[in-house]
PDB file of N, CA and C in Angstrom:
ATOM      1  N   MET A   1       0.636  -1.149   0.089  1.00  0.00           N
ATOM      2  CA  MET A   1      -0.321   0.166   0.023  1.00  0.00           C
ATOM      3  C   MET A   1       0.955   1.240   0.169  1.00  0.00           C
ATOM      4  N   SER A   2       0.374   2.570  -0.493  1.00  0.00           N
ATOM      5  CA  SER A   2       1.100   3.852  -0.678  1.00  0.00           C
ATOM      6  C   SER A   2       0.263   4.694  -0.411  1.00  0.00           C
ATOM      7  N   LYS A   3       0.616   6.036  -0.173  1.00  0.00           N
ATOM      8  CA  LYS A   3      -0.347   7.047  -0.111  1.00  0.00           C
ATOM      9  C   LYS A   3      -0.928   7.235  -1.385  1.00  0.00           C
ATOM     10  N   GLN A   4      -0.748   7.137  -2.107  1.00  0.00           N
ATOM     11  CA  GLN A   4      -0.737   7.579  -3.732  1.00  0.00           C
ATOM     12  C   GLN A   4      -1.727   6.737  -3.874  1.00  0.00           C
ATOM     13  N   GLU A   5      -1.902   5.690  -3.840  1.00  0.00           N
ATOM     14  CA  GLU A   5      -3.004   4.819  -4.602  1.00  0.00           C
ATOM     15  C   GLU A   5      -3.188   3.584  -3.547  1.00  0.00           C
ATOM     16  N   ASN A   6      -4.245   3.051  -4.044  1.00  0.00           N
ATOM     17  CA  ASN A   6      -4.718   1.529  -2.685  1.00  0.00           C
ATOM     18  C   ASN A   6      -4.168   0.546  -3.755  1.00  0.00           C
ATOM     19  N   ALA A   7      -3.781  -0.903  -2.885  1.00  0.00           N
ATOM     20  CA  ALA A   7      -3.111  -1.835  -3.524  1.00  0.00           C
ATOM     21  C   ALA A   7      -4.643  -2.399  -4.163  1.00  0.00           C
ATOM     22  N   THR A   8      -5.838  -2.343  -4.227  1.00  0.00           N
ATOM     23  CA  THR A   8      -7.017  -2.942  -4.668  1.00  0.00           C
ATOM     24  C   THR A   8      -8.188  -1.920  -4.736  1.00  0.00           C
ATOM     25  N   LYS A   9      -8.673  -2.260  -5.740  1.00  0.00           N
ATOM     26  CA  LYS A   9     -10.164  -1.498  -6.092  1.00  0.00           C
ATOM     27  C   LYS A   9     -11.189  -1.880  -5.442  1.00  0.00           C
ATOM     28  N   LEU A  10     -10.984  -2.871  -4.644  1.00  0.00           N
ATOM     29  CA  LEU A  10     -12.409  -3.035  -3.708  1.00  0.00           C
ATOM     30  C   LEU A  10     -12.199  -2.742  -2.143  1.00  0.00           C
ATOM     31  N   ILE A  11     -11.124  -2.279  -1.912  1.00  0.00           N
ATOM     32  CA  ILE A  11     -10.753  -1.506  -0.516  1.00  0.00           C
ATOM     33  C   ILE A  11     -10.337  -0.161  -0.782  1.00  0.00           C
ATOM     34  N   LYS A  12     -10.904   0.787  -0.093  1.00  0.00           N
ATOM     35  CA  LYS A  12     -10.332   2.317  -0.099  1.00  0.00           C
ATOM     36  C   LYS A  12     -10.016   2.500   0.835  1.00  0.00           C
ATOM     37  N   PHE A  13      -8.490   2.934   1.496  1.00  0.00           N
ATOM     38  CA  PHE A  13      -8.054   3.615   2.665  1.00  0.00           C
ATOM     39  C   PHE A  13      -7.895   5.035   2.727  1.00  0.00           C
ATOM     40  N   ASN A  14      -8.734   5.585   3.862  1.00  0.00           N
ATOM     41  CA  ASN A  14      -8.491   6.818   4.040  1.00  0.00           C
ATOM     42  C   ASN A  14      -8.015   7.062   5.118  1.00  0.00           C
ATOM     43  N   ILE A  15      -7.039   8.274   5.396  1.00  0.00           N
ATOM     44  CA  ILE A  15      -5.944   7.863   6.734  1.00  0.00           C
ATOM     45  C   ILE A  15      -6.255   9.576   7.004  1.00  0.00           C
ATOM     46  N   PHE A  16      -6.909   9.865   8.397  1.00  0.00           N
ATOM     47  CA  PHE A  16      -6.862  11.001   8.856  1.00  0.00           C
ATOM     48  C   PHE A  16      -6.353  11.111   9.919  1.00  0.00           C
ATOM     49  N   GLY A  17      -5.219  12.484  10.193  1.00  0.00           N
ATOM     50  CA  GLY A  17      -4.696  12.479  11.311  1.00  0.00           C
ATOM     51  C   GLY A  17      -5.908  13.246  12.336  1.00  0.00           C
ATOM     52  N   ASP A  18      -5.181  13.728  13.826  1.00  0.00           N
ATOM     53  CA  ASP A  18      -6.033  13.973  14.950  1.00  0.00           C
ATOM     54  C   ASP A  18      -6.475  15.574  14.479  1.00  0.00           C
ATOM     55  N   GLU A  19      -5.848  16.072  13.449  1.00  0.00           N
ATOM     56  CA  GLU A  19      -6.143  17.571  13.046  1.00  0.00           C
ATOM     57  C   GLU A  19      -7.951  17.694  12.836  1.00  0.00           C
ATOM     58  N   ILE A  20      -8.272  16.638  12.298  1.00  0.00           N
ATOM     59  CA  ILE A  20     -10.183  16.273  11.936  1.00  0.00           C
ATOM     60  C   ILE A  20     -10.520  16.494  13.442  1.00  0.00           C
ATOM     61  N   ALA A  21     -10.279  15.345  14.284  1.00  0.00           N
ATOM     62  CA  ALA A  21     -10.954  14.894  15.170  1.00  0.00           C
ATOM     63  C   ALA A  21     -10.544  16.176  16.066  1.00  0.00           C
ATOM     64  N   ASN A  22      -9.888  16.958  16.093  1.00  0.00           N
ATOM     65  CA  ASN A  22     -10.072  18.155  16.930  1.00  0.00           C
ATOM     66  C   ASN A  22     -10.588  19.591  16.276  1.00  0.00           C
ATOM     67  N   LEU A  23     -10.616  19.354  15.107  1.00  0.00           N
ATOM     68  CA  LEU A  23     -11.980  20.698  14.590  1.00  0.00           C
ATOM     69  C   LEU A  23     -13.203  20.328  15.102  1.00  0.00           C
ATOM     70  N   GLU A  24     -13.367  18.749  15.105  1.00  0.00           N
ATOM     71  CA  GLU A  24     -14.779  18.527  15.154  1.00  0.00           C
ATOM     72  C   GLU A  24     -15.272  18.750  16.654  1.00  0.00           C
ATOM     73  N   MET A  25     -14.358  18.578  17.525  1.00  0.00           N
ATOM     74  CA  MET A  25     -14.582  18.918  18.867  1.00  0.00           C
ATOM     75  C   MET A  25     -14.455  20.530  19.530  1.00  0.00           C
ATOM     76  N   ILE A  26     -13.780  21.153  18.422  1.00  0.00           N
ATOM     77  CA  ILE A  26     -13.887  22.595  18.882  1.00  0.00           C
ATOM     78  C   ILE A  26     -15.197  22.974  18.282  1.00  0.00           C
ATOM     79  N   ARG A  27     -15.829  22.697  17.191  1.00  0.00           N
ATOM     80  CA  ARG A  27     -16.972  22.998  16.400  1.00  0.00           C
ATOM     81  C   ARG A  27     -18.509  22.370  17.632  1.00  0.00           C
ATOM     82  N   GLY A  28     -17.970  21.439  17.777  1.00  0.00           N
ATOM     83  CA  GLY A  28     -19.059  20.868  18.856  1.00  0.00           C
ATOM     84  C   GLY A  28     -18.914  21.580  20.286  1.00  0.00           C
ATOM     85  N   ALA A  29     -17.988  22.008  20.813  1.00  0.00           N
ATOM     86  CA  ALA A  29     -17.638  23.142  21.806  1.00  0.00           C
ATOM     87  C   ALA A  29     -18.392  24.377  21.675  1.00  0.00           C
ATOM     88  N   PHE A  30     -18.373  24.940  20.469  1.00  0.00           N
ATOM     89  CA  PHE A  30     -18.619  25.900  20.373  1.00  0.00           C
ATOM     90  C   PHE A  30     -20.182  25.910  20.101  1.00  0.00           C
ATOM     91  N   GLN A  31     -20.774  25.030  19.863  1.00  0.00           N
ATOM     92  CA  GLN A  31     -22.611  24.533  19.972  1.00  0.00           C
ATOM     93  C   GLN A  31     -22.612  24.657  21.419  1.00  0.00           C
ATOM     94  N   ALA A  32     -22.134  23.697  21.857  1.00  0.00           N
ATOM     95  CA  ALA A  32     -22.386  23.739  23.001  1.00  0.00           C
ATOM     96  C   ALA A  32     -22.462  24.535  24.127  1.00  0.00           C
ATOM     97  N   THR A  33     -21.515  25.688  23.632  1.00  0.00           N
ATOM     98  CA  THR A  33     -21.403  26.797  24.423  1.00  0.00           C
ATOM     99  C   THR A  33     -22.613  27.729  24.230  1.00  0.00           C
ATOM    100  N   LYS A  34     -23.377  27.843  23.578  1.00  0.00           N
ATOM    101  CA  LYS A  34     -24.803  28.451  23.695  1.00  0.00           C
ATOM    102  C   LYS A  34     -25.550  27.784  24.724  1.00  0.00           C
ATOM    103  N   LEU A  35     -25.728  26.382  24.737  1.00  0.00           N
ATOM    104  CA  LEU A  35     -26.342  25.841  25.841  1.00  0.00           C
ATOM    105  C   LEU A  35     -25.769  25.978  26.893  1.00  0.00           C
ATOM    106  N   MET A  36     -24.663  26.210  27.323  1.00  0.00           N
ATOM    107  CA  MET A  36     -24.097  26.238  28.546  1.00  0.00           C
ATOM    108  C   MET A  36     -24.515  27.573  29.182  1.00  0.00           C
ATOM    109  N   ILE A  37     -24.571  28.824  28.085  1.00  0.00           N
ATOM    110  CA  ILE A  37     -24.725  29.960  28.595  1.00  0.00           C
ATOM    111  C   ILE A  37     -26.222  29.879  29.144  1.00  0.00           C
ATOM    112  N   ILE A  38     -27.238  29.535  28.694  1.00  0.00           N
ATOM    113  CA  ILE A  38     -28.435  29.391  29.038  1.00  0.00           C
ATOM    114  C   ILE A  38     -28.474  28.986  30.102  1.00  0.00           C
ATOM    115  N   GLY A  39     -27.675  27.577  30.492  1.00  0.00           N
ATOM    116  CA  GLY A  39     -27.521  26.832  31.826  1.00  0.00           C
ATOM    117  C   GLY A  39     -26.862  27.758  32.852  1.00  0.00           C
ATOM    118  N   PHE A  40     -25.976  28.960  32.386  1.00  0.00           N
ATOM    119  CA  PHE A  40     -25.429  29.507  33.731  1.00  0.00           C
ATOM    120  C   PHE A  40     -26.517  30.819  33.938  1.00  0.00           C
ATOM    121  N   PHE A  41     -27.378  30.964  33.089  1.00  0.00           N
ATOM    122  CA  PHE A  41     -28.183  32.303  33.165  1.00  0.00           C
ATOM    123  C   PHE A  41     -29.284  31.439  34.064  1.00  0.00           C
ATOM    124  N   LEU A  42     -29.246  30.387  33.930  1.00  0.00           N
ATOM    125  CA  LEU A  42     -30.795  29.752  34.953  1.00  0.00           C
ATOM    126  C   LEU A  42     -29.988  29.468  35.929  1.00  0.00           C
ATOM    127  N   LEU A  43     -28.618  28.992  36.094  1.00  0.00           N
ATOM    128  CA  LEU A  43     -28.077  28.898  37.619  1.00  0.00           C
ATOM    129  C   LEU A  43     -28.035  30.121  38.548  1.00  0.00           C
ATOM    130  N   LEU A  44     -27.665  31.513  37.574  1.00  0.00           N
ATOM    131  CA  LEU A  44     -27.375  32.519  38.311  1.00  0.00           C
ATOM    132  C   LEU A  44     -28.924  33.035  38.909  1.00  0.00           C
ATOM    133  N   ALA A  45     -30.077  32.670  38.360  1.00  0.00           N
ATOM    134  CA  ALA A  45     -31.350  32.848  38.673  1.00  0.00           C
ATOM    135  C   ALA A  45     -31.640  32.083  39.744  1.00  0.00           C
ATOM    136  N   PHE A  46     -31.309  30.784  39.705  1.00  0.00           N
ATOM    137  CA  PHE A  46     -31.569  30.062  40.817  1.00  0.00           C
ATOM    138  C   PHE A  46     -30.653  30.245  42.342  1.00  0.00           C
ATOM    139  N   VAL A  47     -29.710  30.905  42.186  1.00  0.00           N
ATOM    140  CA  VAL A  47     -28.804  31.182  43.229  1.00  0.00           C
ATOM    141  C   VAL A  47     -29.143  32.774  43.523  1.00  0.00           C
ATOM    142  N   PHE A  48     -29.624  33.386  42.935  1.00  0.00           N
ATOM    143  CA  PHE A  48     -30.243  34.550  43.260  1.00  0.00           C
ATOM    144  C   PHE A  48     -31.635  34.441  44.140  1.00  0.00           C
ATOM    145  N   ILE A  49     -32.502  33.496  43.474  1.00  0.00           N
ATOM    146  CA  ILE A  49     -33.704  33.095  44.216  1.00  0.00           C
ATOM    147  C   ILE A  49     -33.116  32.511  45.683  1.00  0.00           C
ATOM    148  N   VAL A  50     -32.192  31.468  45.776  1.00  0.00           N
ATOM    149  CA  VAL A  50     -31.856  31.018  47.034  1.00  0.00           C
ATOM    150  C   VAL A  50     -31.458  31.948  47.788  1.00  0.00           C
ATOM    151  N   VAL A  51     -30.508  32.828  47.684  1.00  0.00           N
ATOM    152  CA  VAL A  51     -30.078  33.788  48.522  1.00  0.00           C
ATOM    153  C   VAL A  51     -30.971  34.900  48.746  1.00  0.00           C
ATOM    154  N   TRP A  52     -32.220  35.120  48.306  1.00  0.00           N
ATOM    155  CA  TRP A  52     -32.744  35.877  48.366  1.00  0.00           C
ATOM    156  C   TRP A  52     -33.740  35.251  49.612  1.00  0.00           C
ATOM    157  N   ARG A  53     -34.191  34.103  49.253  1.00  0.00           N
ATOM    158  CA  ARG A  53     -35.057  33.400  50.489  1.00  0.00           C
ATOM    159  C   ARG A  53     -34.220  33.255  51.729  1.00  0.00           C
ATOM    160  N   LYS A  54     -32.872  33.413  51.704  1.00  0.00           N
ATOM    161  CA  LYS A  54     -32.166  32.998  52.784  1.00  0.00           C
ATOM    162  C   LYS A  54     -31.670  34.552  53.581  1.00  0.00           C
ATOM    163  N   LEU A  55     -31.261  35.524  52.695  1.00  0.00           N
ATOM    164  CA  LEU A  55     -30.523  36.219  53.553  1.00  0.00           C
ATOM    165  C   LEU A  55     -31.110  37.774  53.299  1.00  0.00           C
ATOM    166  N   GLU A  56     -30.936  38.451  53.762  1.00  0.00           N
ATOM    167  CA  GLU A  56     -31.179  40.307  54.082  1.00  0.00           C
ATOM    168  C   GLU A  56     -31.059  40.501  52.684  1.00  0.00           C
ATOM    169  N   PRO A  57     -32.274  41.364  52.064  1.00  0.00           N
ATOM    170  CA  PRO A  57     -32.148  41.632  50.740  1.00  0.00           C
ATOM    171  C   PRO A  57     -31.301  42.604  50.388  1.00  0.00           C
ATOM    172  N   ARG A  58     -30.484  43.742  51.410  1.00  0.00           N
ATOM    173  CA  ARG A  58     -29.811  44.581  51.171  1.00  0.00           C
ATOM    174  C   ARG A  58     -28.228  44.030  51.092  1.00  0.00           C
ATOM    175  N   ARG A  59     -28.020  42.766  51.329  1.00  0.00           N
ATOM    176  CA  ARG A  59     -26.639  41.779  51.600  1.00  0.00           C
ATOM    177  C   ARG A  59     -26.629  41.147  50.012  1.00  0.00           C
ATOM    178  N   LEU A  60     -27.888  40.981  49.435  1.00  0.00           N
ATOM    179  CA  LEU A  60     -27.756  40.181  48.168  1.00  0.00           C
ATOM    180  C   LEU A  60     -27.107  40.178  46.944  1.00  0.00           C
ATOM    181  N   PRO A  61     -26.876  41.759  46.641  1.00  0.00           N
ATOM    182  CA  PRO A  61     -26.249  41.907  45.308  1.00  0.00           C
ATOM    183  C   PRO A  61     -24.789  41.521  45.723  1.00  0.00           C
ATOM    184  N   GLN A  62     -24.109  41.643  46.818  1.00  0.00           N
ATOM    185  CA  GLN A  62     -22.831  41.581  46.811  1.00  0.00           C
ATOM    186  C   GLN A  62     -22.633  39.883  47.439  1.00  0.00           C
ATOM    187  N   ILE A  63     -23.587  39.202  47.807  1.00  0.00           N
ATOM    188  CA  ILE A  63     -23.162  37.566  47.941  1.00  0.00           C
ATOM    189  C   ILE A  63     -23.317  36.936  46.899  1.00  0.00           C
ATOM    190  N   VAL A  64     -24.272  37.812  45.791  1.00  0.00           N
ATOM    191  CA  VAL A  64     -24.387  37.024  44.563  1.00  0.00           C
ATOM    192  C   VAL A  64     -23.482  37.264  43.700  1.00  0.00           C
ATOM    193  N   PHE A  65     -23.024  38.391  43.801  1.00  0.00           N
ATOM    194  CA  PHE A  65     -21.661  38.672  43.173  1.00  0.00           C
ATOM    195  C   PHE A  65     -20.433  37.835  43.303  1.00  0.00           C
ATOM    196  N   ALA A  66     -20.258  37.634  44.435  1.00  0.00           N
ATOM    197  CA  ALA A  66     -19.422  36.805  44.820  1.00  0.00           C
ATOM    198  C   ALA A  66     -19.098  35.295  44.641  1.00  0.00           C
ATOM    199  N   VAL A  67     -20.620  34.840  45.057  1.00  0.00           N
ATOM    200  CA  VAL A  67     -20.712  33.564  44.618  1.00  0.00           C
ATOM    201  C   VAL A  67     -20.675  33.320  42.680  1.00  0.00           C
ATOM    202  N   VAL A  68     -20.857  34.272  41.985  1.00  0.00           N
ATOM    203  CA  VAL A  68     -20.775  34.163  40.658  1.00  0.00           C
ATOM    204  C   VAL A  68     -19.370  34.408  39.840  1.00  0.00           C
ATOM    205  N   PHE A  69     -18.914  35.399  40.677  1.00  0.00           N
ATOM    206  CA  PHE A  69     -17.491  35.976  40.344  1.00  0.00           C
ATOM    207  C   PHE A  69     -16.459  35.076  40.410  1.00  0.00           C
ATOM    208  N   SER A  70     -16.482  34.432  41.957  1.00  0.00           N
ATOM    209  CA  SER A  70     -15.348  33.385  42.498  1.00  0.00           C
ATOM    210  C   SER A  70     -14.687  32.462  41.205  1.00  0.00           C
ATOM    211  N   PRO A  71     -15.804  31.759  40.821  1.00  0.00           N
ATOM    212  CA  PRO A  71     -15.376  30.777  39.756  1.00  0.00           C
ATOM    213  C   PRO A  71     -15.389  31.285  38.265  1.00  0.00           C
ATOM    214  N   PHE A  72     -15.563  32.446  37.990  1.00  0.00           N
ATOM    215  CA  PHE A  72     -15.153  33.242  37.012  1.00  0.00           C
ATOM    216  C   PHE A  72     -13.684  33.675  37.163  1.00  0.00           C
ATOM    217  N   LEU A  73     -13.618  34.197  37.943  1.00  0.00           N
ATOM    218  CA  LEU A  73     -11.761  34.367  38.372  1.00  0.00           C
ATOM    219  C   LEU A  73     -11.181  33.096  38.341  1.00  0.00           C
ATOM    220  N   ALA A  74     -11.656  32.153  38.964  1.00  0.00           N
ATOM    221  CA  ALA A  74     -10.763  30.978  38.661  1.00  0.00           C
ATOM    222  C   ALA A  74     -10.952  30.559  37.293  1.00  0.00           C
ATOM    223  N   ALA A  75     -11.602  30.585  36.640  1.00  0.00           N
ATOM    224  CA  ALA A  75     -11.281  30.188  34.986  1.00  0.00           C
ATOM    225  C   ALA A  75     -10.503  30.876  34.398  1.00  0.00           C
ATOM    226  N   LEU A  76     -10.638  32.429  34.375  1.00  0.00           N
ATOM    227  CA  LEU A  76      -9.931  33.259  33.732  1.00  0.00           C
ATOM    228  C   LEU A  76      -8.550  33.127  34.579  1.00  0.00           C
ATOM    229  N   VAL A  77      -8.223  33.121  35.484  1.00  0.00           N
ATOM    230  CA  VAL A  77      -6.970  33.003  36.337  1.00  0.00           C
ATOM    231  C   VAL A  77      -5.985  31.874  35.501  1.00  0.00           C
ATOM    232  N   SER A  78      -6.740  30.358  35.463  1.00  0.00           N
ATOM    233  CA  SER A  78      -6.386  29.552  35.072  1.00  0.00           C
ATOM    234  C   SER A  78      -5.777  29.720  33.557  1.00  0.00           C
ATOM    235  N   PHE A  79      -7.245  30.091  32.574  1.00  0.00           N
ATOM    236  CA  PHE A  79      -6.181  30.577  31.339  1.00  0.00           C
ATOM    237  C   PHE A  79      -5.412  31.507  30.967  1.00  0.00           C
ATOM    238  N   GLY A  80      -5.275  32.089  32.239  1.00  0.00           N
ATOM    239  CA  GLY A  80      -4.126  33.377  31.826  1.00  0.00           C
ATOM    240  C   GLY A  80      -2.791  32.384  32.094  1.00  0.00           C
ATOM    241  N   ILE A  81      -2.796  31.551  33.263  1.00  0.00           N
ATOM    242  CA  ILE A  81      -1.370  30.776  33.603  1.00  0.00           C
ATOM    243  C   ILE A  81      -1.185  30.221  32.513  1.00  0.00           C
ATOM    244  N   ILE A  82      -2.266  29.356  31.859  1.00  0.00           N
ATOM    245  CA  ILE A  82      -1.614  28.193  30.515  1.00  0.00           C
ATOM    246  C   ILE A  82      -1.099  29.235  29.469  1.00  0.00           C
ATOM    247  N   SER A  83      -1.595  30.374  29.537  1.00  0.00           N
ATOM    248  CA  SER A  83      -1.396  30.946  27.965  1.00  0.00           C
ATOM    249  C   SER A  83      -0.012  31.545  28.250  1.00  0.00           C
ATOM    250  N   TRP A  84       0.140  32.136  29.478  1.00  0.00           N
ATOM    251  CA  TRP A  84       1.067  32.814  29.800  1.00  0.00           C
ATOM    252  C   TRP A  84       2.566  31.742  29.954  1.00  0.00           C
ATOM    253  N   LEU A  85       2.385  30.414  30.258  1.00  0.00           N
ATOM    254  CA  LEU A  85       3.152  29.678  29.978  1.00  0.00           C
ATOM    255  C   LEU A  85       3.451  29.251  28.815  1.00  0.00           C
ATOM    256  N   ARG A  86       2.358  29.658  27.979  1.00  0.00           N
ATOM    257  CA  ARG A  86       2.761  28.958  26.332  1.00  0.00           C
ATOM    258  C   ARG A  86       2.712  27.719  26.204  1.00  0.00           C
ATOM    259  N   PHE A  87       1.755  27.049  26.893  1.00  0.00           N
ATOM    260  CA  PHE A  87       0.805  25.478  26.572  1.00  0.00           C
ATOM    261  C   PHE A  87       0.007  25.952  25.444  1.00  0.00           C
ATOM    262  N   PRO A  88      -0.177  24.918  24.707  1.00  0.00           N
ATOM    263  CA  PRO A  88      -1.087  24.855  23.619  1.00  0.00           C
ATOM    264  C   PRO A  88      -2.219  24.586  24.002  1.00  0.00           C
ATOM    265  N   LEU A  89      -3.400  25.107  23.478  1.00  0.00           N
ATOM    266  CA  LEU A  89      -4.590  25.277  23.831  1.00  0.00           C
ATOM    267  C   LEU A  89      -5.730  23.968  23.274  1.00  0.00           C
ATOM    268  N   TYR A  90      -6.105  23.228  23.925  1.00  0.00           N
ATOM    269  CA  TYR A  90      -6.805  22.198  23.206  1.00  0.00           C
ATOM    270  C   TYR A  90      -8.243  22.308  23.068  1.00  0.00           C
ATOM    271  N   SER A  91      -9.033  21.638  22.553  1.00  0.00           N
ATOM    272  CA  SER A  91     -10.245  21.640  22.404  1.00  0.00           C
ATOM    273  C   SER A  91     -11.093  21.440  23.859  1.00  0.00           C
ATOM    274  N   ILE A  92     -10.720  20.654  24.533  1.00  0.00           N
ATOM    275  CA  ILE A  92     -11.489  20.118  25.641  1.00  0.00           C
ATOM    276  C   ILE A  92     -11.411  21.206  26.562  1.00  0.00           C
ATOM    277  N   MET A  93     -10.405  22.299  26.220  1.00  0.00           N
ATOM    278  CA  MET A  93     -10.126  23.703  27.309  1.00  0.00           C
ATOM    279  C   MET A  93     -11.290  24.494  27.251  1.00  0.00           C
ATOM    280  N   CYS A  94     -12.168  24.286  25.903  1.00  0.00           N
ATOM    281  CA  CYS A  94     -13.109  24.968  25.660  1.00  0.00           C
ATOM    282  C   CYS A  94     -14.146  24.809  26.728  1.00  0.00           C
ATOM    283  N   VAL A  95     -14.539  23.811  27.114  1.00  0.00           N
ATOM    284  CA  VAL A  95     -15.434  23.370  27.840  1.00  0.00           C
ATOM    285  C   VAL A  95     -15.218  23.320  29.791  1.00  0.00           C
ATOM    286  N   THR A  96     -14.219  23.290  29.596  1.00  0.00           N
ATOM    287  CA  THR A  96     -13.311  23.027  31.535  1.00  0.00           C
ATOM    288  C   THR A  96     -14.167  24.717  31.883  1.00  0.00           C
ATOM    289  N   PRO A  97     -13.987  25.905  31.233  1.00  0.00           N
ATOM    290  CA  PRO A  97     -14.526  26.872  32.734  1.00  0.00           C
ATOM    291  C   PRO A  97     -16.073  26.811  32.991  1.00  0.00           C
ATOM    292  N   PHE A  98     -17.051  25.835  31.778  1.00  0.00           N
ATOM    293  CA  PHE A  98     -18.296  26.083  31.829  1.00  0.00           C
ATOM    294  C   PHE A  98     -18.251  25.121  33.223  1.00  0.00           C
ATOM    295  N   LEU A  99     -17.649  23.856  33.300  1.00  0.00           N
ATOM    296  CA  LEU A  99     -17.533  22.913  34.104  1.00  0.00           C
ATOM    297  C   LEU A  99     -16.763  23.570  36.012  1.00  0.00           C
ATOM    298  N   ILE A 100     -15.948  24.505  35.742  1.00  0.00           N
ATOM    299  CA  ILE A 100     -15.599  24.599  36.939  1.00  0.00           C
ATOM    300  C   ILE A 100     -16.545  25.486  37.564  1.00  0.00           C
ATOM    301  N   LEU A 101     -17.450  26.620  36.551  1.00  0.00           N
ATOM    302  CA  LEU A 101     -18.655  27.732  37.056  1.00  0.00           C
ATOM    303  C   LEU A 101     -19.486  26.446  37.856  1.00  0.00           C
ATOM    304  N   GLY A 102     -19.927  25.357  36.923  1.00  0.00           N
ATOM    305  CA  GLY A 102     -20.928  24.502  37.564  1.00  0.00           C
ATOM    306  C   GLY A 102     -20.800  23.956  38.725  1.00  0.00           C
ATOM    307  N   ILE A 103     -19.754  23.365  38.986  1.00  0.00           N
ATOM    308  CA  ILE A 103     -18.987  22.769  40.062  1.00  0.00           C
ATOM    309  C   ILE A 103     -19.054  23.932  41.084  1.00  0.00           C
ATOM    310  N   GLY A 104     -18.693  24.706  40.872  1.00  0.00           N
ATOM    311  CA  GLY A 104     -18.015  26.245  41.934  1.00  0.00           C
ATOM    312  C   GLY A 104     -19.558  26.691  42.182  1.00  0.00           C
ATOM    313  N   MET A 105     -20.630  26.755  41.887  1.00  0.00           N
ATOM    314  CA  MET A 105     -21.912  27.443  41.907  1.00  0.00           C
ATOM    315  C   MET A 105     -22.659  26.261  42.865  1.00  0.00           C
ATOM    316  N   HIS A 106     -22.333  25.164  42.604  1.00  0.00           N
ATOM    317  CA  HIS A 106     -23.146  23.818  43.343  1.00  0.00           C
ATOM    318  C   HIS A 106     -21.963  24.194  44.854  1.00  0.00           C
ATOM    319  N   GLU A 107     -20.711  23.960  45.018  1.00  0.00           N
ATOM    320  CA  GLU A 107     -20.303  24.103  46.118  1.00  0.00           C
ATOM    321  C   GLU A 107     -20.680  25.246  46.966  1.00  0.00           C
ATOM    322  N   ILE A 108     -20.738  26.563  46.326  1.00  0.00           N
ATOM    323  CA  ILE A 108     -20.857  27.787  47.135  1.00  0.00           C
ATOM    324  C   ILE A 108     -22.670  27.609  47.606  1.00  0.00           C
ATOM    325  N   THR A 109     -23.645  27.265  46.956  1.00  0.00           N
ATOM    326  CA  THR A 109     -24.832  27.268  47.296  1.00  0.00           C
ATOM    327  C   THR A 109     -24.610  26.130  48.225  1.00  0.00           C
ATOM    328  N   SER A 110     -24.260  24.990  48.293  1.00  0.00           N
ATOM    329  CA  SER A 110     -24.252  23.847  49.340  1.00  0.00           C
ATOM    330  C   SER A 110     -23.526  24.321  50.587  1.00  0.00           C
ATOM    331  N   SER A 111     -22.786  25.151  50.322  1.00  0.00           N
ATOM    332  CA  SER A 111     -21.739  25.814  51.410  1.00  0.00           C
ATOM    333  C   SER A 111     -23.041  26.964  52.330  1.00  0.00           C
ATOM    334  N   ILE A 112     -23.165  27.667  51.759  1.00  0.00           N
ATOM    335  CA  ILE A 112     -24.119  28.755  52.187  1.00  0.00           C
ATOM    336  C   ILE A 112     -25.034  28.192  52.918  1.00  0.00           C
ATOM    337  N   SER A 113     -26.076  26.993  52.112  1.00  0.00           N
ATOM    338  CA  SER A 113     -27.030  26.245  52.974  1.00  0.00           C
ATOM    339  C   SER A 113     -26.714  25.860  54.354  1.00  0.00           C
ATOM    340  N   PHE A 114     -25.224  25.212  54.419  1.00  0.00           N
ATOM    341  CA  PHE A 114     -24.799  24.641  55.392  1.00  0.00           C
ATOM    342  C   PHE A 114     -24.553  25.373  57.007  1.00  0.00           C
ATOM    343  N   LEU A 115     -24.054  26.813  56.112  1.00  0.00           N
ATOM    344  CA  LEU A 115     -23.489  27.853  57.290  1.00  0.00           C
ATOM    345  C   LEU A 115     -24.518  28.345  57.770  1.00  0.00           C
ATOM    346  N   LEU A 116     -25.859  28.308  57.141  1.00  0.00           N
ATOM    347  CA  LEU A 116     -27.054  29.237  57.300  1.00  0.00           C
ATOM    348  C   LEU A 116     -28.324  27.823  58.214  1.00  0.00           C
ATOM    349  N   ALA A 117     -27.893  26.916  58.211  1.00  0.00           N
ATOM    350  CA  ALA A 117     -28.063  25.531  58.716  1.00  0.00           C
ATOM    351  C   ALA A 117     -27.877  25.875  60.608  1.00  0.00           C
ATOM    352  N   ILE A 118     -26.568  26.032  60.670  1.00  0.00           N
ATOM    353  CA  ILE A 118     -25.892  25.582  61.762  1.00  0.00           C
ATOM    354  C   ILE A 118     -26.057  27.305  62.380  1.00  0.00           C
ATOM    355  N   VAL A 119     -26.280  28.228  61.857  1.00  0.00           N
ATOM    356  CA  VAL A 119     -26.483  29.472  62.615  1.00  0.00           C
ATOM    357  C   VAL A 119     -27.857  29.376  62.907  1.00  0.00           C
TER     358      VAL A 119
END
């Protein structure tokens, strides 16, 4: 077999590199980003409602800002360090900040609920 022609007409070989898979993963990540943004705003509304029912209304904006800003800051800092160290950016990294945000939001709401139950 050679790269120019097949050994037989019955079998056709197509050899692809990892570039095609990487491009498909990036395309899928961009499509999923729309849904993740919608999910983030629903999560933001959920955090706002939960905190609204548990805390004083005058402290609400600061608490919600801190809850939302801390995972964003973590994602921003991690991408900043990766870029600063000149590591290559892979397609799975497009999804990672949303995972950080989702896990961080869940942990913060759980922590706030736990602390309010103790107090």
